[in-house]
Amino acid sequence: AVTVKGTFRLRRSRRGGFTSWIVGRSAPAT
């Protein structure tokens, strides 16, 4: 099993007219 240590804040990402909650960074080019 693989465990990711730590706690991550939810962020909003807007792409293609939709808003999603994410863990990561918004990157419209991906």
PDB file of all heavy atoms in Angstrom:
ATOM      1  N   ALA A   1       0.829  -1.200   0.000  1.00  0.00           N
ATOM      2  CA  ALA A   1       0.000   0.000   0.000  1.00  0.00           C
ATOM      3  C   ALA A   1       0.871   1.260   0.000  1.00  0.00           C
ATOM      4  O   ALA A   1       1.932   1.302   0.610  1.00  0.00           O
ATOM      5  CB  ALA A   1      -0.908   0.005   1.223  1.00  0.00           C
ATOM      6  N   VAL A   2       0.398   2.273  -0.691  1.00  0.00           N
ATOM      7  CA  VAL A   2       1.089   3.557  -0.807  1.00  0.00           C
ATOM      8  C   VAL A   2       0.290   4.579  -0.006  1.00  0.00           C
ATOM      9  O   VAL A   2      -0.904   4.743  -0.228  1.00  0.00           O
ATOM     10  CB  VAL A   2       1.188   3.986  -2.289  1.00  0.00           C
ATOM     11  CG1 VAL A   2       1.793   5.361  -2.409  1.00  0.00           C
ATOM     12  CG2 VAL A   2       1.958   2.965  -3.095  1.00  0.00           C
ATOM     13  N   THR A   3       0.954   5.265   0.919  1.00  0.00           N
ATOM     14  CA  THR A   3       0.293   6.270   1.747  1.00  0.00           C
ATOM     15  C   THR A   3       0.878   7.640   1.457  1.00  0.00           C
ATOM     16  O   THR A   3       2.093   7.806   1.421  1.00  0.00           O
ATOM     17  CB  THR A   3       0.477   5.938   3.241  1.00  0.00           C
ATOM     18  OG1 THR A   3      -0.023   4.626   3.488  1.00  0.00           O
ATOM     19  CG2 THR A   3      -0.263   6.919   4.117  1.00  0.00           C
ATOM     20  N   VAL A   4      -0.002   8.606   1.249  1.00  0.00           N
ATOM     21  CA  VAL A   4       0.426   9.995   1.041  1.00  0.00           C
ATOM     22  C   VAL A   4       0.322  10.696   2.379  1.00  0.00           C
ATOM     23  O   VAL A   4      -0.758  10.773   2.966  1.00  0.00           O
ATOM     24  CB  VAL A   4      -0.451  10.692  -0.010  1.00  0.00           C
ATOM     25  CG1 VAL A   4       0.007  12.123  -0.222  1.00  0.00           C
ATOM     26  CG2 VAL A   4      -0.441   9.917  -1.322  1.00  0.00           C
ATOM     27  N   LYS A   5       1.437  11.174   2.875  1.00  0.00           N
ATOM     28  CA  LYS A   5       1.458  11.833   4.179  1.00  0.00           C
ATOM     29  C   LYS A   5       0.988  13.278   4.052  1.00  0.00           C
ATOM     30  O   LYS A   5       1.238  13.933   3.054  1.00  0.00           O
ATOM     31  CB  LYS A   5       2.866  11.794   4.770  1.00  0.00           C
ATOM     32  CG  LYS A   5       3.324  10.390   5.088  1.00  0.00           C
ATOM     33  CD  LYS A   5       4.657  10.409   5.774  1.00  0.00           C
ATOM     34  CE  LYS A   5       5.046   9.013   6.204  1.00  0.00           C
ATOM     35  NZ  LYS A   5       6.228   9.029   7.043  1.00  0.00           N
ATOM     36  N   GLY A   6       0.312  13.748   5.080  1.00  0.00           N
ATOM     37  CA  GLY A   6      -0.089  15.148   5.117  1.00  0.00           C
ATOM     38  C   GLY A   6      -1.563  15.364   4.854  1.00  0.00           C
ATOM     39  O   GLY A   6      -2.322  14.449   4.566  1.00  0.00           O
ATOM     40  N   THR A   7      -1.928  16.637   4.957  1.00  0.00           N
ATOM     41  CA  THR A   7      -3.289  17.091   4.727  1.00  0.00           C
ATOM     42  C   THR A   7      -3.253  18.132   3.620  1.00  0.00           C
ATOM     43  O   THR A   7      -2.368  18.990   3.595  1.00  0.00           O
ATOM     44  CB  THR A   7      -3.863  17.715   6.021  1.00  0.00           C
ATOM     45  OG1 THR A   7      -3.820  16.723   7.045  1.00  0.00           O
ATOM     46  CG2 THR A   7      -5.283  18.169   5.842  1.00  0.00           C
ATOM     47  N   PHE A   8      -4.220  18.074   2.712  1.00  0.00           N
ATOM     48  CA  PHE A   8      -4.239  18.959   1.550  1.00  0.00           C
ATOM     49  C   PHE A   8      -5.542  19.746   1.515  1.00  0.00           C
ATOM     50  O   PHE A   8      -6.614  19.204   1.729  1.00  0.00           O
ATOM     51  CB  PHE A   8      -4.100  18.145   0.262  1.00  0.00           C
ATOM     52  CG  PHE A   8      -2.861  17.302   0.241  1.00  0.00           C
ATOM     53  CD1 PHE A   8      -2.890  15.982   0.672  1.00  0.00           C
ATOM     54  CD2 PHE A   8      -1.659  17.828  -0.172  1.00  0.00           C
ATOM     55  CE1 PHE A   8      -1.752  15.201   0.676  1.00  0.00           C
ATOM     56  CE2 PHE A   8      -0.510  17.061  -0.180  1.00  0.00           C
ATOM     57  CZ  PHE A   8      -0.559  15.742   0.253  1.00  0.00           C
ATOM     58  N   ARG A   9      -5.423  21.032   1.217  1.00  0.00           N
ATOM     59  CA  ARG A   9      -6.577  21.927   1.161  1.00  0.00           C
ATOM     60  C   ARG A   9      -7.284  21.787  -0.183  1.00  0.00           C
ATOM     61  O   ARG A   9      -6.649  21.706  -1.228  1.00  0.00           O
ATOM     62  CB  ARG A   9      -6.110  23.369   1.348  1.00  0.00           C
ATOM     63  CG  ARG A   9      -7.225  24.383   1.391  1.00  0.00           C
ATOM     64  CD  ARG A   9      -6.679  25.748   1.760  1.00  0.00           C
ATOM     65  NE  ARG A   9      -5.716  26.252   0.819  1.00  0.00           N
ATOM     66  CZ  ARG A   9      -5.983  27.171  -0.102  1.00  0.00           C
ATOM     67  NH1 ARG A   9      -7.192  27.672  -0.206  1.00  0.00           N
ATOM     68  NH2 ARG A   9      -5.049  27.585  -0.914  1.00  0.00           N
ATOM     69  N   LEU A  10      -8.609  21.760  -0.144  1.00  0.00           N
ATOM     70  CA  LEU A  10      -9.392  21.751  -1.377  1.00  0.00           C
ATOM     71  C   LEU A  10      -9.346  23.138  -2.017  1.00  0.00           C
ATOM     72  O   LEU A  10      -9.444  24.155  -1.322  1.00  0.00           O
ATOM     73  CB  LEU A  10     -10.847  21.378  -1.087  1.00  0.00           C
ATOM     74  CG  LEU A  10     -11.114  19.929  -0.750  1.00  0.00           C
ATOM     75  CD1 LEU A  10     -12.557  19.755  -0.307  1.00  0.00           C
ATOM     76  CD2 LEU A  10     -10.826  19.043  -1.934  1.00  0.00           C
ATOM     77  N   ARG A  11      -9.206  23.161  -3.325  1.00  0.00           N
ATOM     78  CA  ARG A  11      -9.203  24.411  -4.087  1.00  0.00           C
ATOM     79  C   ARG A  11     -10.221  24.290  -5.206  1.00  0.00           C
ATOM     80  O   ARG A  11     -10.594  23.194  -5.590  1.00  0.00           O
ATOM     81  CB  ARG A  11      -7.832  24.657  -4.721  1.00  0.00           C
ATOM     82  CG  ARG A  11      -6.696  24.743  -3.746  1.00  0.00           C
ATOM     83  CD  ARG A  11      -5.372  24.747  -4.519  1.00  0.00           C
ATOM     84  NE  ARG A  11      -4.253  24.736  -3.634  1.00  0.00           N
ATOM     85  CZ  ARG A  11      -3.544  25.813  -3.316  1.00  0.00           C
ATOM     86  NH1 ARG A  11      -3.867  26.972  -3.804  1.00  0.00           N
ATOM     87  NH2 ARG A  11      -2.526  25.714  -2.499  1.00  0.00           N
ATOM     88  N   ARG A  12     -10.600  25.414  -5.765  1.00  0.00           N
ATOM     89  CA  ARG A  12     -11.511  25.407  -6.906  1.00  0.00           C
ATOM     90  C   ARG A  12     -10.720  25.588  -8.194  1.00  0.00           C
ATOM     91  O   ARG A  12      -9.768  26.358  -8.242  1.00  0.00           O
ATOM     92  CB  ARG A  12     -12.525  26.536  -6.796  1.00  0.00           C
ATOM     93  CG  ARG A  12     -13.689  26.164  -5.939  1.00  0.00           C
ATOM     94  CD  ARG A  12     -14.728  27.204  -6.033  1.00  0.00           C
ATOM     95  NE  ARG A  12     -14.816  27.797  -4.706  1.00  0.00           N
ATOM     96  CZ  ARG A  12     -15.670  28.707  -4.358  1.00  0.00           C
ATOM     97  NH1 ARG A  12     -16.508  29.187  -5.222  1.00  0.00           N
ATOM     98  NH2 ARG A  12     -15.687  29.177  -3.144  1.00  0.00           N
ATOM     99  N   SER A  13     -11.157  24.874  -9.215  1.00  0.00           N
ATOM    100  CA  SER A  13     -10.550  25.008 -10.532  1.00  0.00           C
ATOM    101  C   SER A  13     -11.659  25.184 -11.558  1.00  0.00           C
ATOM    102  O   SER A  13     -12.645  24.442 -11.534  1.00  0.00           O
ATOM    103  CB  SER A  13      -9.731  23.753 -10.866  1.00  0.00           C
ATOM    104  OG  SER A  13      -9.232  23.829 -12.181  1.00  0.00           O
ATOM    105  N   ARG A  14     -11.495  26.149 -12.411  1.00  0.00           N
ATOM    106  CA  ARG A  14     -12.505  26.413 -13.438  1.00  0.00           C
ATOM    107  C   ARG A  14     -11.911  26.090 -14.801  1.00  0.00           C
ATOM    108  O   ARG A  14     -10.846  26.585 -15.156  1.00  0.00           O
ATOM    109  CB  ARG A  14     -12.948  27.864 -13.375  1.00  0.00           C
ATOM    110  CG  ARG A  14     -14.083  28.168 -14.300  1.00  0.00           C
ATOM    111  CD  ARG A  14     -14.582  29.578 -14.059  1.00  0.00           C
ATOM    112  NE  ARG A  14     -15.499  29.963 -15.099  1.00  0.00           N
ATOM    113  CZ  ARG A  14     -16.812  29.823 -15.006  1.00  0.00           C
ATOM    114  NH1 ARG A  14     -17.336  29.338 -13.920  1.00  0.00           N
ATOM    115  NH2 ARG A  14     -17.590  30.176 -15.999  1.00  0.00           N
ATOM    116  N   ARG A  15     -12.621  25.232 -15.531  1.00  0.00           N
ATOM    117  CA  ARG A  15     -12.148  24.837 -16.861  1.00  0.00           C
ATOM    118  C   ARG A  15     -13.340  24.485 -17.729  1.00  0.00           C
ATOM    119  O   ARG A  15     -14.205  23.727 -17.319  1.00  0.00           O
ATOM    120  CB  ARG A  15     -11.222  23.637 -16.756  1.00  0.00           C
ATOM    121  CG  ARG A  15     -10.604  23.271 -18.077  1.00  0.00           C
ATOM    122  CD  ARG A  15      -9.406  22.373 -17.859  1.00  0.00           C
ATOM    123  NE  ARG A  15      -8.671  22.198 -19.081  1.00  0.00           N
ATOM    124  CZ  ARG A  15      -8.898  21.223 -19.939  1.00  0.00           C
ATOM    125  NH1 ARG A  15      -9.830  20.343 -19.723  1.00  0.00           N
ATOM    126  NH2 ARG A  15      -8.182  21.136 -21.046  1.00  0.00           N
ATOM    127  N   GLY A  16     -13.374  25.018 -18.934  1.00  0.00           N
ATOM    128  CA  GLY A  16     -14.450  24.711 -19.868  1.00  0.00           C
ATOM    129  C   GLY A  16     -15.829  25.114 -19.372  1.00  0.00           C
ATOM    130  O   GLY A  16     -16.819  24.486 -19.710  1.00  0.00           O
ATOM    131  N   GLY A  17     -15.901  26.143 -18.544  1.00  0.00           N
ATOM    132  CA  GLY A  17     -17.177  26.612 -18.038  1.00  0.00           C
ATOM    133  C   GLY A  17     -17.666  25.885 -16.797  1.00  0.00           C
ATOM    134  O   GLY A  17     -18.735  26.180 -16.292  1.00  0.00           O
ATOM    135  N   PHE A  18     -16.909  24.917 -16.309  1.00  0.00           N
ATOM    136  CA  PHE A  18     -17.296  24.158 -15.119  1.00  0.00           C
ATOM    137  C   PHE A  18     -16.301  24.426 -13.994  1.00  0.00           C
ATOM    138  O   PHE A  18     -15.118  24.580 -14.227  1.00  0.00           O
ATOM    139  CB  PHE A  18     -17.327  22.658 -15.418  1.00  0.00           C
ATOM    140  CG  PHE A  18     -18.356  22.289 -16.443  1.00  0.00           C
ATOM    141  CD1 PHE A  18     -17.985  22.014 -17.744  1.00  0.00           C
ATOM    142  CD2 PHE A  18     -19.696  22.224 -16.111  1.00  0.00           C
ATOM    143  CE1 PHE A  18     -18.921  21.683 -18.694  1.00  0.00           C
ATOM    144  CE2 PHE A  18     -20.646  21.884 -17.052  1.00  0.00           C
ATOM    145  CZ  PHE A  18     -20.263  21.620 -18.349  1.00  0.00           C
ATOM    146  N   THR A  19     -16.809  24.421 -12.779  1.00  0.00           N
ATOM    147  CA  THR A  19     -15.966  24.587 -11.604  1.00  0.00           C
ATOM    148  C   THR A  19     -15.906  23.272 -10.855  1.00  0.00           C
ATOM    149  O   THR A  19     -16.936  22.661 -10.577  1.00  0.00           O
ATOM    150  CB  THR A  19     -16.526  25.682 -10.678  1.00  0.00           C
ATOM    151  OG1 THR A  19     -16.616  26.898 -11.420  1.00  0.00           O
ATOM    152  CG2 THR A  19     -15.635  25.889  -9.469  1.00  0.00           C
ATOM    153  N   SER A  20     -14.700  22.811 -10.545  1.00  0.00           N
ATOM    154  CA  SER A  20     -14.501  21.567  -9.808  1.00  0.00           C
ATOM    155  C   SER A  20     -13.661  21.841  -8.577  1.00  0.00           C
ATOM    156  O   SER A  20     -12.840  22.749  -8.565  1.00  0.00           O
ATOM    157  CB  SER A  20     -13.762  20.532 -10.672  1.00  0.00           C
ATOM    158  OG  SER A  20     -14.518  20.157 -11.770  1.00  0.00           O
ATOM    159  N   TRP A  21     -13.838  21.032  -7.560  1.00  0.00           N
ATOM    160  CA  TRP A  21     -12.977  21.069  -6.381  1.00  0.00           C
ATOM    161  C   TRP A  21     -11.822  20.125  -6.637  1.00  0.00           C
ATOM    162  O   TRP A  21     -12.007  19.025  -7.164  1.00  0.00           O
ATOM    163  CB  TRP A  21     -13.749  20.650  -5.133  1.00  0.00           C
ATOM    164  CG  TRP A  21     -14.710  21.699  -4.708  1.00  0.00           C
ATOM    165  CD1 TRP A  21     -16.040  21.760  -5.006  1.00  0.00           C
ATOM    166  CD2 TRP A  21     -14.423  22.853  -3.927  1.00  0.00           C
ATOM    167  NE1 TRP A  21     -16.596  22.895  -4.452  1.00  0.00           N
ATOM    168  CE2 TRP A  21     -15.625  23.574  -3.791  1.00  0.00           C
ATOM    169  CE3 TRP A  21     -13.257  23.346  -3.338  1.00  0.00           C
ATOM    170  CZ2 TRP A  21     -15.693  24.763  -3.070  1.00  0.00           C
ATOM    171  CZ3 TRP A  21     -13.327  24.529  -2.630  1.00  0.00           C
ATOM    172  CH2 TRP A  21     -14.536  25.236  -2.500  1.00  0.00           C
ATOM    173  N   ILE A  22     -10.613  20.560  -6.277  1.00  0.00           N
ATOM    174  CA  ILE A  22      -9.417  19.776  -6.573  1.00  0.00           C
ATOM    175  C   ILE A  22      -8.439  19.786  -5.398  1.00  0.00           C
ATOM    176  O   ILE A  22      -8.522  20.643  -4.524  1.00  0.00           O
ATOM    177  CB  ILE A  22      -8.688  20.315  -7.827  1.00  0.00           C
ATOM    178  CG1 ILE A  22      -8.155  21.743  -7.587  1.00  0.00           C
ATOM    179  CG2 ILE A  22      -9.564  20.248  -9.047  1.00  0.00           C
ATOM    180  CD1 ILE A  22      -7.192  22.241  -8.639  1.00  0.00           C
ATOM    181  N   VAL A  23      -7.538  18.837  -5.427  1.00  0.00           N
ATOM    182  CA  VAL A  23      -6.304  18.875  -4.640  1.00  0.00           C
ATOM    183  C   VAL A  23      -5.230  18.943  -5.703  1.00  0.00           C
ATOM    184  O   VAL A  23      -5.093  18.030  -6.515  1.00  0.00           O
ATOM    185  CB  VAL A  23      -6.126  17.620  -3.760  1.00  0.00           C
ATOM    186  CG1 VAL A  23      -4.718  17.565  -3.201  1.00  0.00           C
ATOM    187  CG2 VAL A  23      -7.151  17.602  -2.654  1.00  0.00           C
ATOM    188  N   GLY A  24      -4.516  20.028  -5.761  1.00  0.00           N
ATOM    189  CA  GLY A  24      -3.530  20.265  -6.809  1.00  0.00           C
ATOM    190  C   GLY A  24      -3.545  21.731  -7.182  1.00  0.00           C
ATOM    191  O   GLY A  24      -4.043  22.575  -6.440  1.00  0.00           O
ATOM    192  N   ARG A  25      -3.021  22.032  -8.352  1.00  0.00           N
ATOM    193  CA  ARG A  25      -3.006  23.408  -8.843  1.00  0.00           C
ATOM    194  C   ARG A  25      -3.792  23.469 -10.142  1.00  0.00           C
ATOM    195  O   ARG A  25      -3.688  22.577 -10.978  1.00  0.00           O
ATOM    196  CB  ARG A  25      -1.581  23.863  -9.111  1.00  0.00           C
ATOM    197  CG  ARG A  25      -0.723  23.881  -7.873  1.00  0.00           C
ATOM    198  CD  ARG A  25       0.007  25.197  -7.755  1.00  0.00           C
ATOM    199  NE  ARG A  25       1.057  25.227  -6.768  1.00  0.00           N
ATOM    200  CZ  ARG A  25       0.872  25.161  -5.464  1.00  0.00           C
ATOM    201  NH1 ARG A  25      -0.307  24.980  -4.977  1.00  0.00           N
ATOM    202  NH2 ARG A  25       1.891  25.241  -4.629  1.00  0.00           N
ATOM    203  N   SER A  26      -4.561  24.517 -10.292  1.00  0.00           N
ATOM    204  CA  SER A  26      -5.316  24.716 -11.518  1.00  0.00           C
ATOM    205  C   SER A  26      -4.347  24.973 -12.668  1.00  0.00           C
ATOM    206  O   SER A  26      -3.446  25.797 -12.554  1.00  0.00           O
ATOM    207  CB  SER A  26      -6.262  25.907 -11.348  1.00  0.00           C
ATOM    208  OG  SER A  26      -7.044  26.063 -12.496  1.00  0.00           O
ATOM    209  N   ALA A  27      -4.506  24.216 -13.745  1.00  0.00           N
ATOM    210  CA  ALA A  27      -3.630  24.341 -14.909  1.00  0.00           C
ATOM    211  C   ALA A  27      -4.458  24.141 -16.170  1.00  0.00           C
ATOM    212  O   ALA A  27      -4.561  23.030 -16.683  1.00  0.00           O
ATOM    213  CB  ALA A  27      -2.499  23.319 -14.826  1.00  0.00           C
ATOM    214  N   PRO A  28      -5.084  25.203 -16.675  1.00  0.00           N
ATOM    215  CA  PRO A  28      -5.976  25.070 -17.826  1.00  0.00           C
ATOM    216  C   PRO A  28      -5.324  24.455 -19.067  1.00  0.00           C
ATOM    217  O   PRO A  28      -6.008  23.886 -19.899  1.00  0.00           O
ATOM    218  CB  PRO A  28      -6.411  26.512 -18.102  1.00  0.00           C
ATOM    219  CG  PRO A  28      -6.221  27.217 -16.812  1.00  0.00           C
ATOM    220  CD  PRO A  28      -5.049  26.563 -16.153  1.00  0.00           C
ATOM    221  N   ALA A  29      -4.002  24.527 -19.184  1.00  0.00           N
ATOM    222  CA  ALA A  29      -3.326  23.998 -20.366  1.00  0.00           C
ATOM    223  C   ALA A  29      -3.224  22.465 -20.364  1.00  0.00           C
ATOM    224  O   ALA A  29      -2.966  21.861 -21.393  1.00  0.00           O
ATOM    225  CB  ALA A  29      -1.934  24.606 -20.496  1.00  0.00           C
ATOM    226  N   THR A  30      -3.417  21.830 -19.223  1.00  0.00           N
ATOM    227  CA  THR A  30      -3.317  20.368 -19.163  1.00  0.00           C
ATOM    228  C   THR A  30      -4.633  19.731 -19.601  1.00  0.00           C
ATOM    229  O   THR A  30      -5.670  20.388 -19.647  1.00  0.00           O
ATOM    230  CB  THR A  30      -2.966  19.882 -17.735  1.00  0.00           C
ATOM    231  OG1 THR A  30      -4.015  20.284 -16.857  1.00  0.00           O
ATOM    232  CG2 THR A  30      -1.651  20.472 -17.263  1.00  0.00           C
TER     233      THR A  30
END
